[in-house]
Amino acid sequence: MRRAKPDPSSGSSPAEDDAILSGLRSGSKEARAALAGELAGPLLRVARRLVGDQDAQDCVQDALLQAFRNVDRFEGRSSLRTWLYRIVVNAGLQRLRARGRNREDALENPYSEFDASGCRMVADVGDLPGVEDLLLRKETRDCVRAAIDELPADYRAVIVLHHLENHGIGEVADLLDITPGAAKMRLHRARLALAAALEPVFRGACE
């Protein structure tokens, strides 16, 4: 069973959102402090899952500054909080790529095959436990999280948003600014990459 999904837009009424947005556009320090204080926990959580504890605080601060500077570009197609959440995700991806984590070529398997839609197929993974199951097991949780940390940036982000932050494919696509089809394919490939890295865990050999 999927866990309840945290909603970055919850906890305030449309009128309150409009008041905060008006304050942000007028440069109100109180509005900035109120929004940052309200979202500090959720934003820091996803930043930690993306970039780790060391850089998470800087990632959130950079994202908030970027949002405050560009608030006039906010078009209202999503909630203000979802917009901020997206900025933090993008900031996290930029930091991961700057570290040189985007190493998809290193994960290529010369023995892998691709299906008609271009998704890689790996033998003997269909009967293996899912990511959520492994994260719920105390004896494998640390191994799974360590393997997620070693994925390329785009793969890591889609796994974090879907499996750890509990967003559906449509929401993941929105947060990553890609189509739902691209998000679904990326998640498929990320799961296969993670499965390959976690084969010792699947087989009960995690050390």
N, C-alpha and C. Protein backbone atom coordinates (compact mmCIF):
# COMPACT_ATOMS: atom_id res chain seq x y z
N MET A 1 0.85 -1.21 0.00
CA MET A 1 0.00 0.00 0.00
C MET A 1 0.88 1.25 0.00
N ARG A 2 0.56 2.21 -0.89
CA ARG A 2 1.36 3.43 -0.95
C ARG A 2 1.07 4.31 0.24
N ARG A 3 2.11 4.96 0.74
CA ARG A 3 1.94 5.86 1.87
C ARG A 3 1.24 7.14 1.42
N ALA A 4 0.63 7.84 2.37
CA ALA A 4 -0.04 9.10 2.05
C ALA A 4 0.97 10.07 1.47
N LYS A 5 0.60 10.73 0.43
CA LYS A 5 1.51 11.63 -0.27
C LYS A 5 1.52 13.01 0.36
N PRO A 6 2.71 13.54 0.67
CA PRO A 6 2.78 14.90 1.17
C PRO A 6 2.42 15.89 0.08
N ASP A 7 1.56 16.82 0.37
CA ASP A 7 1.11 17.80 -0.61
C ASP A 7 1.70 19.15 -0.28
N PRO A 8 2.65 19.64 -1.12
CA PRO A 8 3.26 20.93 -0.83
C PRO A 8 2.30 22.09 -0.92
N SER A 9 1.11 21.87 -1.49
CA SER A 9 0.15 22.98 -1.62
C SER A 9 -0.88 22.98 -0.51
N SER A 10 -0.80 22.01 0.42
CA SER A 10 -1.81 21.94 1.47
C SER A 10 -1.51 22.89 2.60
N GLY A 11 -2.53 23.14 3.43
CA GLY A 11 -2.30 23.90 4.65
C GLY A 11 -2.65 25.36 4.56
N SER A 12 -3.18 25.82 3.43
CA SER A 12 -3.56 27.21 3.32
C SER A 12 -4.72 27.34 2.34
N SER A 13 -5.47 28.42 2.47
CA SER A 13 -6.61 28.66 1.59
C SER A 13 -6.15 29.49 0.38
N PRO A 14 -6.97 29.51 -0.71
CA PRO A 14 -6.63 30.35 -1.86
C PRO A 14 -6.44 31.81 -1.47
N ALA A 15 -7.25 32.30 -0.54
CA ALA A 15 -7.13 33.70 -0.12
C ALA A 15 -5.78 33.94 0.54
N GLU A 16 -5.36 32.99 1.37
CA GLU A 16 -4.05 33.12 2.03
C GLU A 16 -2.93 33.07 1.01
N ASP A 17 -3.07 32.18 0.01
CA ASP A 17 -2.07 32.09 -1.05
C ASP A 17 -1.98 33.42 -1.81
N ASP A 18 -3.14 34.00 -2.11
CA ASP A 18 -3.14 35.27 -2.84
C ASP A 18 -2.47 36.37 -2.03
N ALA A 19 -2.69 36.35 -0.71
CA ALA A 19 -2.09 37.36 0.15
C ALA A 19 -0.57 37.20 0.18
N ILE A 20 -0.11 35.97 0.28
CA ILE A 20 1.33 35.71 0.30
C ILE A 20 1.95 36.10 -1.03
N LEU A 21 1.28 35.72 -2.13
CA LEU A 21 1.81 36.05 -3.45
C LEU A 21 1.88 37.56 -3.65
N SER A 22 0.86 38.27 -3.20
CA SER A 22 0.88 39.73 -3.30
C SER A 22 2.04 40.31 -2.50
N GLY A 23 2.25 39.75 -1.30
CA GLY A 23 3.36 40.22 -0.48
C GLY A 23 4.70 39.94 -1.11
N LEU A 24 4.85 38.77 -1.72
CA LEU A 24 6.12 38.43 -2.38
C LEU A 24 6.39 39.40 -3.54
N ARG A 25 5.36 39.72 -4.30
CA ARG A 25 5.55 40.59 -5.46
C ARG A 25 5.85 42.02 -5.05
N SER A 26 5.44 42.38 -3.83
CA SER A 26 5.75 43.73 -3.35
C SER A 26 7.06 43.77 -2.57
N GLY A 27 7.72 42.60 -2.46
CA GLY A 27 8.99 42.54 -1.76
C GLY A 27 8.88 42.43 -0.26
N SER A 28 7.74 42.00 0.26
CA SER A 28 7.53 41.92 1.70
C SER A 28 8.42 40.85 2.34
N LYS A 29 9.23 41.26 3.30
CA LYS A 29 10.07 40.31 4.03
C LYS A 29 9.20 39.38 4.87
N GLU A 30 8.09 39.88 5.37
CA GLU A 30 7.20 39.05 6.17
C GLU A 30 6.61 37.93 5.34
N ALA A 31 6.21 38.23 4.09
CA ALA A 31 5.65 37.20 3.21
C ALA A 31 6.70 36.15 2.88
N ARG A 32 7.92 36.59 2.62
CA ARG A 32 8.99 35.65 2.33
C ARG A 32 9.26 34.74 3.53
N ALA A 33 9.32 35.32 4.70
CA ALA A 33 9.60 34.55 5.91
C ALA A 33 8.47 33.57 6.20
N ALA A 34 7.23 34.01 5.99
CA ALA A 34 6.08 33.14 6.25
C ALA A 34 6.08 31.93 5.33
N LEU A 35 6.34 32.16 4.03
CA LEU A 35 6.32 31.05 3.08
C LEU A 35 7.51 30.12 3.31
N ALA A 36 8.68 30.70 3.53
CA ALA A 36 9.87 29.88 3.77
C ALA A 36 9.71 29.05 5.04
N GLY A 37 9.14 29.67 6.08
CA GLY A 37 8.95 28.94 7.33
C GLY A 37 7.96 27.80 7.18
N GLU A 38 6.88 28.05 6.43
CA GLU A 38 5.87 27.02 6.23
C GLU A 38 6.40 25.83 5.45
N LEU A 39 7.25 26.10 4.46
CA LEU A 39 7.70 25.03 3.57
C LEU A 39 9.09 24.50 3.89
N ALA A 40 9.70 25.01 4.93
CA ALA A 40 11.08 24.61 5.24
C ALA A 40 11.21 23.09 5.36
N GLY A 41 10.28 22.47 6.08
CA GLY A 41 10.36 21.02 6.29
C GLY A 41 10.23 20.22 5.01
N PRO A 42 9.13 20.37 4.25
CA PRO A 42 8.99 19.60 3.01
C PRO A 42 10.09 19.87 1.98
N LEU A 43 10.50 21.13 1.84
CA LEU A 43 11.53 21.45 0.86
C LEU A 43 12.88 20.86 1.27
N LEU A 44 13.19 20.94 2.55
CA LEU A 44 14.46 20.40 3.02
C LEU A 44 14.48 18.88 2.90
N ARG A 45 13.33 18.26 3.13
CA ARG A 45 13.26 16.79 3.04
C ARG A 45 13.58 16.32 1.62
N VAL A 46 12.93 16.91 0.61
CA VAL A 46 13.19 16.46 -0.74
C VAL A 46 14.60 16.82 -1.17
N ALA A 47 15.13 17.96 -0.71
CA ALA A 47 16.51 18.33 -1.04
C ALA A 47 17.49 17.32 -0.46
N ARG A 48 17.25 16.90 0.77
CA ARG A 48 18.14 15.90 1.38
C ARG A 48 18.12 14.60 0.60
N ARG A 49 16.93 14.20 0.15
CA ARG A 49 16.82 12.96 -0.60
C ARG A 49 17.49 13.05 -1.96
N LEU A 50 17.57 14.25 -2.50
CA LEU A 50 18.20 14.44 -3.80
C LEU A 50 19.71 14.64 -3.69
N VAL A 51 20.14 15.51 -2.80
CA VAL A 51 21.55 15.91 -2.79
C VAL A 51 22.28 15.52 -1.51
N GLY A 52 21.59 14.98 -0.51
CA GLY A 52 22.24 14.61 0.74
C GLY A 52 22.21 15.74 1.76
N ASP A 53 22.52 15.41 3.00
CA ASP A 53 22.43 16.37 4.10
C ASP A 53 23.36 17.56 3.93
N GLN A 54 24.56 17.33 3.40
CA GLN A 54 25.57 18.39 3.36
C GLN A 54 25.15 19.59 2.53
N ASP A 55 24.50 19.34 1.40
CA ASP A 55 24.15 20.42 0.47
C ASP A 55 22.68 20.81 0.50
N ALA A 56 21.87 20.10 1.31
CA ALA A 56 20.42 20.32 1.25
C ALA A 56 20.02 21.74 1.65
N GLN A 57 20.59 22.24 2.73
CA GLN A 57 20.22 23.58 3.21
C GLN A 57 20.57 24.64 2.17
N ASP A 58 21.75 24.54 1.58
CA ASP A 58 22.15 25.50 0.54
C ASP A 58 21.24 25.39 -0.67
N CYS A 59 20.84 24.16 -1.01
CA CYS A 59 19.96 23.94 -2.15
C CYS A 59 18.62 24.65 -1.94
N VAL A 60 18.05 24.51 -0.75
CA VAL A 60 16.77 25.15 -0.44
C VAL A 60 16.92 26.67 -0.43
N GLN A 61 17.97 27.17 0.18
CA GLN A 61 18.18 28.61 0.23
C GLN A 61 18.34 29.20 -1.17
N ASP A 62 19.12 28.52 -2.01
CA ASP A 62 19.30 28.99 -3.39
C ASP A 62 17.97 28.99 -4.15
N ALA A 63 17.19 27.94 -3.93
CA ALA A 63 15.90 27.83 -4.62
C ALA A 63 14.94 28.92 -4.18
N LEU A 64 14.89 29.18 -2.88
CA LEU A 64 14.00 30.22 -2.37
C LEU A 64 14.42 31.60 -2.90
N LEU A 65 15.70 31.88 -2.92
CA LEU A 65 16.17 33.15 -3.47
C LEU A 65 15.80 33.29 -4.94
N GLN A 66 15.96 32.20 -5.68
CA GLN A 66 15.58 32.22 -7.09
C GLN A 66 14.09 32.48 -7.25
N ALA A 67 13.29 31.84 -6.41
CA ALA A 67 11.83 32.03 -6.48
C ALA A 67 11.45 33.46 -6.15
N PHE A 68 12.05 34.01 -5.10
CA PHE A 68 11.71 35.38 -4.69
C PHE A 68 12.09 36.38 -5.77
N ARG A 69 13.22 36.14 -6.44
CA ARG A 69 13.67 37.06 -7.49
C ARG A 69 12.79 36.97 -8.73
N ASN A 70 12.21 35.80 -8.96
CA ASN A 70 11.46 35.57 -10.20
C ASN A 70 9.97 35.38 -9.96
N VAL A 71 9.46 35.89 -8.84
CA VAL A 71 8.06 35.65 -8.52
C VAL A 71 7.12 36.26 -9.56
N ASP A 72 7.55 37.29 -10.25
CA ASP A 72 6.70 37.89 -11.29
C ASP A 72 6.49 36.94 -12.47
N ARG A 73 7.32 35.92 -12.58
CA ARG A 73 7.16 34.94 -13.66
C ARG A 73 6.16 33.84 -13.30
N PHE A 74 5.74 33.81 -12.05
CA PHE A 74 4.78 32.79 -11.62
C PHE A 74 3.45 33.05 -12.32
N GLU A 75 2.96 32.06 -13.07
CA GLU A 75 1.76 32.24 -13.90
C GLU A 75 0.50 31.67 -13.28
N GLY A 76 0.62 31.01 -12.13
CA GLY A 76 -0.56 30.49 -11.46
C GLY A 76 -1.12 29.20 -12.04
N ARG A 77 -0.36 28.51 -12.89
CA ARG A 77 -0.85 27.26 -13.46
C ARG A 77 -0.80 26.12 -12.43
N SER A 78 -0.04 26.30 -11.38
CA SER A 78 -0.02 25.38 -10.24
C SER A 78 -0.06 26.25 -8.99
N SER A 79 -0.11 25.61 -7.82
CA SER A 79 -0.06 26.40 -6.60
C SER A 79 1.33 27.00 -6.42
N LEU A 80 1.40 28.07 -5.65
CA LEU A 80 2.69 28.70 -5.38
C LEU A 80 3.65 27.72 -4.72
N ARG A 81 3.13 26.88 -3.85
CA ARG A 81 3.97 25.93 -3.14
C ARG A 81 4.50 24.84 -4.07
N THR A 82 3.66 24.39 -5.00
CA THR A 82 4.13 23.41 -5.99
C THR A 82 5.19 24.02 -6.87
N TRP A 83 5.05 25.29 -7.21
CA TRP A 83 6.05 25.99 -8.01
C TRP A 83 7.39 26.04 -7.27
N LEU A 84 7.35 26.33 -5.98
CA LEU A 84 8.58 26.35 -5.18
C LEU A 84 9.19 24.96 -5.09
N TYR A 85 8.35 23.98 -4.92
CA TYR A 85 8.81 22.59 -4.85
C TYR A 85 9.55 22.23 -6.12
N ARG A 86 9.00 22.64 -7.28
CA ARG A 86 9.64 22.36 -8.56
C ARG A 86 11.00 23.04 -8.66
N ILE A 87 11.09 24.26 -8.15
CA ILE A 87 12.36 24.99 -8.19
C ILE A 87 13.41 24.27 -7.35
N VAL A 88 13.01 23.76 -6.19
CA VAL A 88 13.96 23.03 -5.34
C VAL A 88 14.43 21.76 -6.04
N VAL A 89 13.50 21.04 -6.68
CA VAL A 89 13.88 19.83 -7.42
C VAL A 89 14.89 20.18 -8.52
N ASN A 90 14.63 21.25 -9.26
CA ASN A 90 15.55 21.67 -10.32
C ASN A 90 16.91 22.07 -9.75
N ALA A 91 16.89 22.78 -8.62
CA ALA A 91 18.15 23.17 -7.98
C ALA A 91 18.94 21.94 -7.55
N GLY A 92 18.22 20.93 -7.04
CA GLY A 92 18.88 19.70 -6.64
C GLY A 92 19.50 18.98 -7.83
N LEU A 93 18.78 18.93 -8.94
CA LEU A 93 19.30 18.30 -10.15
C LEU A 93 20.55 19.01 -10.65
N GLN A 94 20.53 20.34 -10.60
CA GLN A 94 21.70 21.10 -11.05
C GLN A 94 22.92 20.76 -10.20
N ARG A 95 22.72 20.62 -8.89
CA ARG A 95 23.84 20.28 -8.01
C ARG A 95 24.35 18.87 -8.29
N LEU A 96 23.45 17.94 -8.52
CA LEU A 96 23.87 16.58 -8.83
C LEU A 96 24.68 16.53 -10.12
N ARG A 97 24.20 17.25 -11.12
CA ARG A 97 24.91 17.25 -12.40
C ARG A 97 26.27 17.92 -12.27
N ALA A 98 26.34 18.94 -11.42
CA ALA A 98 27.63 19.61 -11.20
C ALA A 98 28.63 18.67 -10.54
N ARG A 99 28.14 17.71 -9.78
CA ARG A 99 29.03 16.73 -9.15
C ARG A 99 29.49 15.66 -10.14
N GLY A 100 28.89 15.66 -11.32
CA GLY A 100 29.25 14.66 -12.29
C GLY A 100 28.55 13.34 -12.09
N ARG A 101 27.34 13.39 -11.50
CA ARG A 101 26.62 12.14 -11.26
C ARG A 101 25.85 11.64 -12.48
N ASN A 102 25.72 12.46 -13.50
CA ASN A 102 24.90 12.04 -14.64
C ASN A 102 25.70 11.08 -15.52
N ARG A 103 25.76 9.80 -15.11
CA ARG A 103 26.67 8.84 -15.72
C ARG A 103 25.88 7.69 -16.35
N GLU A 104 24.90 7.99 -17.17
CA GLU A 104 24.09 6.92 -17.75
C GLU A 104 24.94 5.94 -18.53
N ASP A 105 25.97 6.41 -19.23
CA ASP A 105 26.78 5.51 -20.04
C ASP A 105 27.44 4.44 -19.18
N ALA A 106 27.78 4.80 -17.94
CA ALA A 106 28.44 3.85 -17.07
C ALA A 106 27.52 2.71 -16.67
N LEU A 107 26.19 2.90 -16.83
CA LEU A 107 25.23 1.89 -16.44
C LEU A 107 24.82 1.00 -17.61
N GLU A 108 25.33 1.27 -18.80
CA GLU A 108 24.94 0.47 -19.95
C GLU A 108 25.42 -0.96 -19.78
N ASN A 109 24.57 -1.91 -20.12
CA ASN A 109 24.90 -3.32 -20.03
C ASN A 109 24.97 -3.88 -21.44
N PRO A 110 26.13 -4.39 -21.90
CA PRO A 110 26.24 -4.87 -23.28
C PRO A 110 25.34 -6.06 -23.57
N TYR A 111 24.83 -6.73 -22.52
CA TYR A 111 23.97 -7.88 -22.72
C TYR A 111 22.49 -7.54 -22.61
N SER A 112 22.17 -6.27 -22.38
CA SER A 112 20.77 -5.88 -22.23
C SER A 112 20.11 -5.75 -23.60
N GLU A 113 18.79 -5.88 -23.62
CA GLU A 113 18.01 -5.74 -24.83
C GLU A 113 16.96 -4.67 -24.62
N PHE A 114 16.39 -4.18 -25.70
CA PHE A 114 15.40 -3.11 -25.62
C PHE A 114 14.10 -3.57 -26.25
N ASP A 115 12.98 -3.13 -25.65
CA ASP A 115 11.71 -3.48 -26.23
C ASP A 115 11.33 -2.48 -27.32
N ALA A 116 10.12 -2.63 -27.88
CA ALA A 116 9.72 -1.81 -29.02
C ALA A 116 9.64 -0.33 -28.70
N SER A 117 9.41 0.01 -27.42
CA SER A 117 9.31 1.42 -27.04
C SER A 117 10.65 2.01 -26.63
N GLY A 118 11.72 1.21 -26.70
CA GLY A 118 13.03 1.71 -26.35
C GLY A 118 13.41 1.49 -24.91
N CYS A 119 12.58 0.79 -24.13
CA CYS A 119 12.89 0.52 -22.74
C CYS A 119 13.75 -0.72 -22.62
N ARG A 120 14.81 -0.60 -21.83
CA ARG A 120 15.71 -1.72 -21.66
C ARG A 120 15.05 -2.82 -20.86
N MET A 121 15.25 -4.07 -21.28
CA MET A 121 14.73 -5.22 -20.56
C MET A 121 15.91 -5.96 -19.95
N VAL A 122 15.80 -6.29 -18.68
CA VAL A 122 16.84 -7.03 -17.98
C VAL A 122 16.26 -8.34 -17.51
N ALA A 123 16.98 -9.41 -17.73
CA ALA A 123 16.46 -10.73 -17.38
C ALA A 123 16.34 -10.89 -15.87
N ASP A 124 15.33 -11.67 -15.48
CA ASP A 124 15.18 -12.11 -14.10
C ASP A 124 14.97 -10.98 -13.09
N VAL A 125 14.29 -9.90 -13.46
CA VAL A 125 13.96 -8.89 -12.47
C VAL A 125 12.46 -8.85 -12.16
N GLY A 126 11.64 -9.55 -12.95
CA GLY A 126 10.21 -9.48 -12.76
C GLY A 126 9.74 -10.03 -11.42
N ASP A 127 10.47 -11.03 -10.88
CA ASP A 127 10.05 -11.64 -9.63
C ASP A 127 10.74 -11.05 -8.41
N LEU A 128 11.47 -9.95 -8.61
CA LEU A 128 12.21 -9.34 -7.51
C LEU A 128 11.33 -8.35 -6.75
N PRO A 129 11.63 -8.10 -5.47
CA PRO A 129 10.83 -7.15 -4.68
C PRO A 129 10.89 -5.75 -5.28
N GLY A 130 9.85 -4.95 -5.03
CA GLY A 130 9.82 -3.58 -5.50
C GLY A 130 10.64 -2.66 -4.60
N VAL A 131 10.85 -1.44 -5.09
CA VAL A 131 11.63 -0.47 -4.33
C VAL A 131 10.99 -0.20 -2.98
N GLU A 132 9.65 0.00 -2.98
CA GLU A 132 8.98 0.31 -1.72
C GLU A 132 9.13 -0.82 -0.71
N ASP A 133 9.02 -2.07 -1.20
CA ASP A 133 9.17 -3.22 -0.30
C ASP A 133 10.55 -3.24 0.33
N LEU A 134 11.57 -2.97 -0.48
CA LEU A 134 12.93 -2.99 0.05
C LEU A 134 13.18 -1.85 1.03
N LEU A 135 12.55 -0.70 0.76
CA LEU A 135 12.72 0.44 1.68
C LEU A 135 12.03 0.19 3.02
N LEU A 136 11.02 -0.66 3.01
CA LEU A 136 10.32 -0.96 4.25
C LEU A 136 11.03 -2.02 5.09
N ARG A 137 11.98 -2.70 4.48
CA ARG A 137 12.72 -3.74 5.20
C ARG A 137 13.94 -3.13 5.87
N LYS A 138 14.01 -3.25 7.17
CA LYS A 138 15.10 -2.64 7.91
C LYS A 138 16.46 -3.12 7.44
N GLU A 139 16.55 -4.40 7.08
CA GLU A 139 17.85 -4.98 6.74
C GLU A 139 18.33 -4.55 5.35
N THR A 140 17.44 -4.00 4.52
CA THR A 140 17.86 -3.60 3.18
C THR A 140 17.75 -2.10 2.93
N ARG A 141 17.12 -1.37 3.85
CA ARG A 141 16.83 0.04 3.61
C ARG A 141 18.09 0.87 3.32
N ASP A 142 19.12 0.70 4.12
CA ASP A 142 20.34 1.49 3.92
C ASP A 142 21.00 1.17 2.60
N CYS A 143 20.97 -0.11 2.21
CA CYS A 143 21.56 -0.50 0.93
C CYS A 143 20.81 0.13 -0.24
N VAL A 144 19.48 0.16 -0.15
CA VAL A 144 18.67 0.75 -1.21
C VAL A 144 18.95 2.24 -1.33
N ARG A 145 18.97 2.92 -0.20
CA ARG A 145 19.22 4.37 -0.23
C ARG A 145 20.61 4.68 -0.76
N ALA A 146 21.59 3.88 -0.39
CA ALA A 146 22.95 4.10 -0.90
C ALA A 146 22.99 3.89 -2.41
N ALA A 147 22.26 2.88 -2.91
CA ALA A 147 22.23 2.63 -4.35
C ALA A 147 21.52 3.76 -5.08
N ILE A 148 20.44 4.30 -4.52
CA ILE A 148 19.74 5.43 -5.12
C ILE A 148 20.69 6.63 -5.22
N ASP A 149 21.50 6.84 -4.19
CA ASP A 149 22.43 7.96 -4.18
C ASP A 149 23.46 7.87 -5.30
N GLU A 150 23.73 6.67 -5.79
CA GLU A 150 24.73 6.49 -6.84
C GLU A 150 24.15 6.51 -8.25
N LEU A 151 22.83 6.64 -8.37
CA LEU A 151 22.22 6.70 -9.70
C LEU A 151 22.55 8.03 -10.38
N PRO A 152 22.53 8.07 -11.72
CA PRO A 152 22.64 9.35 -12.43
C PRO A 152 21.55 10.31 -11.96
N ALA A 153 21.77 11.59 -12.13
CA ALA A 153 20.89 12.62 -11.57
C ALA A 153 19.43 12.43 -11.98
N ASP A 154 19.17 12.23 -13.28
CA ASP A 154 17.79 12.12 -13.75
C ASP A 154 17.10 10.88 -13.19
N TYR A 155 17.84 9.77 -13.10
CA TYR A 155 17.27 8.55 -12.54
C TYR A 155 17.02 8.72 -11.04
N ARG A 156 17.97 9.32 -10.37
CA ARG A 156 17.82 9.52 -8.92
C ARG A 156 16.58 10.37 -8.64
N ALA A 157 16.40 11.44 -9.40
CA ALA A 157 15.27 12.34 -9.17
C ALA A 157 13.93 11.64 -9.35
N VAL A 158 13.79 10.83 -10.41
CA VAL A 158 12.50 10.20 -10.66
C VAL A 158 12.21 9.13 -9.61
N ILE A 159 13.23 8.44 -9.13
CA ILE A 159 13.03 7.46 -8.05
C ILE A 159 12.64 8.16 -6.75
N VAL A 160 13.34 9.25 -6.42
CA VAL A 160 13.03 10.00 -5.20
C VAL A 160 11.61 10.54 -5.24
N LEU A 161 11.23 11.16 -6.34
CA LEU A 161 9.91 11.79 -6.41
C LEU A 161 8.78 10.77 -6.40
N HIS A 162 8.98 9.64 -7.08
CA HIS A 162 7.90 8.65 -7.16
C HIS A 162 7.86 7.72 -5.95
N HIS A 163 9.00 7.19 -5.57
CA HIS A 163 9.02 6.17 -4.53
C HIS A 163 9.21 6.74 -3.12
N LEU A 164 9.92 7.84 -2.97
CA LEU A 164 10.15 8.40 -1.64
C LEU A 164 9.20 9.54 -1.32
N GLU A 165 8.93 10.40 -2.31
CA GLU A 165 8.00 11.50 -2.10
C GLU A 165 6.56 11.13 -2.48
N ASN A 166 6.38 9.95 -3.08
CA ASN A 166 5.05 9.41 -3.36
C ASN A 166 4.20 10.22 -4.33
N HIS A 167 4.83 10.79 -5.34
CA HIS A 167 4.10 11.50 -6.39
C HIS A 167 3.76 10.54 -7.53
N GLY A 168 2.58 10.74 -8.11
CA GLY A 168 2.20 9.97 -9.28
C GLY A 168 2.99 10.40 -10.50
N ILE A 169 2.87 9.62 -11.58
CA ILE A 169 3.65 9.89 -12.79
C ILE A 169 3.35 11.29 -13.34
N GLY A 170 2.08 11.69 -13.34
CA GLY A 170 1.73 13.01 -13.85
C GLY A 170 2.39 14.12 -13.06
N GLU A 171 2.43 13.97 -11.74
CA GLU A 171 3.06 14.98 -10.89
C GLU A 171 4.58 14.97 -11.06
N VAL A 172 5.15 13.78 -11.19
CA VAL A 172 6.60 13.69 -11.45
C VAL A 172 6.95 14.40 -12.74
N ALA A 173 6.14 14.17 -13.78
CA ALA A 173 6.37 14.82 -15.06
C ALA A 173 6.31 16.34 -14.92
N ASP A 174 5.33 16.82 -14.15
CA ASP A 174 5.18 18.26 -13.94
C ASP A 174 6.39 18.84 -13.21
N LEU A 175 6.83 18.16 -12.17
CA LEU A 175 7.96 18.65 -11.38
C LEU A 175 9.26 18.64 -12.16
N LEU A 176 9.41 17.67 -13.09
CA LEU A 176 10.64 17.57 -13.88
C LEU A 176 10.52 18.27 -15.23
N ASP A 177 9.33 18.83 -15.50
CA ASP A 177 9.08 19.54 -16.76
C ASP A 177 9.32 18.64 -17.97
N ILE A 178 8.77 17.42 -17.91
CA ILE A 178 8.82 16.49 -19.02
C ILE A 178 7.41 15.94 -19.23
N THR A 179 7.19 15.22 -20.30
CA THR A 179 5.88 14.64 -20.56
C THR A 179 5.65 13.43 -19.65
N PRO A 180 4.38 13.07 -19.39
CA PRO A 180 4.12 11.86 -18.61
C PRO A 180 4.74 10.62 -19.24
N GLY A 181 4.72 10.53 -20.58
CA GLY A 181 5.33 9.39 -21.24
C GLY A 181 6.82 9.32 -20.99
N ALA A 182 7.49 10.47 -21.04
CA ALA A 182 8.93 10.50 -20.76
C ALA A 182 9.22 10.16 -19.31
N ALA A 183 8.35 10.63 -18.41
CA ALA A 183 8.53 10.31 -16.99
C ALA A 183 8.37 8.82 -16.74
N LYS A 184 7.39 8.21 -17.41
CA LYS A 184 7.16 6.78 -17.24
C LYS A 184 8.35 5.98 -17.76
N MET A 185 8.88 6.36 -18.92
CA MET A 185 10.03 5.65 -19.47
C MET A 185 11.26 5.84 -18.59
N ARG A 186 11.45 7.08 -18.09
CA ARG A 186 12.61 7.34 -17.23
C ARG A 186 12.52 6.53 -15.94
N LEU A 187 11.32 6.43 -15.38
CA LEU A 187 11.15 5.64 -14.17
C LEU A 187 11.43 4.17 -14.44
N HIS A 188 10.98 3.68 -15.58
CA HIS A 188 11.24 2.29 -15.95
C HIS A 188 12.74 2.03 -16.01
N ARG A 189 13.46 2.91 -16.69
CA ARG A 189 14.91 2.74 -16.83
C ARG A 189 15.62 2.90 -15.49
N ALA A 190 15.12 3.84 -14.68
CA ALA A 190 15.73 4.04 -13.36
C ALA A 190 15.56 2.80 -12.49
N ARG A 191 14.38 2.19 -12.56
CA ARG A 191 14.15 0.97 -11.77
C ARG A 191 15.08 -0.15 -12.21
N LEU A 192 15.28 -0.27 -13.53
CA LEU A 192 16.17 -1.31 -14.02
C LEU A 192 17.61 -1.06 -13.59
N ALA A 193 18.03 0.21 -13.66
CA ALA A 193 19.38 0.55 -13.20
C ALA A 193 19.54 0.25 -11.72
N LEU A 194 18.50 0.59 -10.94
CA LEU A 194 18.55 0.33 -9.51
C LEU A 194 18.53 -1.16 -9.22
N ALA A 195 17.73 -1.91 -10.00
CA ALA A 195 17.69 -3.36 -9.81
C ALA A 195 19.04 -3.99 -10.06
N ALA A 196 19.74 -3.51 -11.10
CA ALA A 196 21.06 -4.05 -11.39
C ALA A 196 22.04 -3.76 -10.25
N ALA A 197 21.95 -2.54 -9.69
CA ALA A 197 22.84 -2.18 -8.58
C ALA A 197 22.51 -2.94 -7.31
N LEU A 198 21.23 -3.33 -7.19
CA LEU A 198 20.77 -3.97 -5.95
C LEU A 198 20.65 -5.48 -6.05
N GLU A 199 21.22 -6.06 -7.08
CA GLU A 199 21.09 -7.52 -7.22
C GLU A 199 21.56 -8.27 -5.97
N PRO A 200 22.66 -7.86 -5.31
CA PRO A 200 23.04 -8.56 -4.07
C PRO A 200 21.98 -8.44 -2.98
N VAL A 201 21.27 -7.30 -2.94
CA VAL A 201 20.20 -7.13 -1.95
C VAL A 201 19.05 -8.07 -2.26
N PHE A 202 18.67 -8.11 -3.52
CA PHE A 202 17.58 -8.99 -3.93
C PHE A 202 17.89 -10.43 -3.57
N ARG A 203 19.15 -10.80 -3.69
CA ARG A 203 19.55 -12.19 -3.46
C ARG A 203 19.93 -12.44 -2.00
N GLY A 204 19.73 -11.43 -1.15
CA GLY A 204 20.02 -11.60 0.27
C GLY A 204 21.48 -11.53 0.61
N ALA A 205 22.27 -10.81 -0.24
CA ALA A 205 23.71 -10.77 -0.02
C ALA A 205 24.22 -9.38 0.26
N CYS A 206 23.34 -8.46 0.68
CA CYS A 206 23.80 -7.10 0.95
C CYS A 206 24.73 -7.11 2.16
N GLU A 207 25.85 -6.43 2.02
CA GLU A 207 26.83 -6.40 3.13
C GLU A 207 26.98 -4.98 3.65
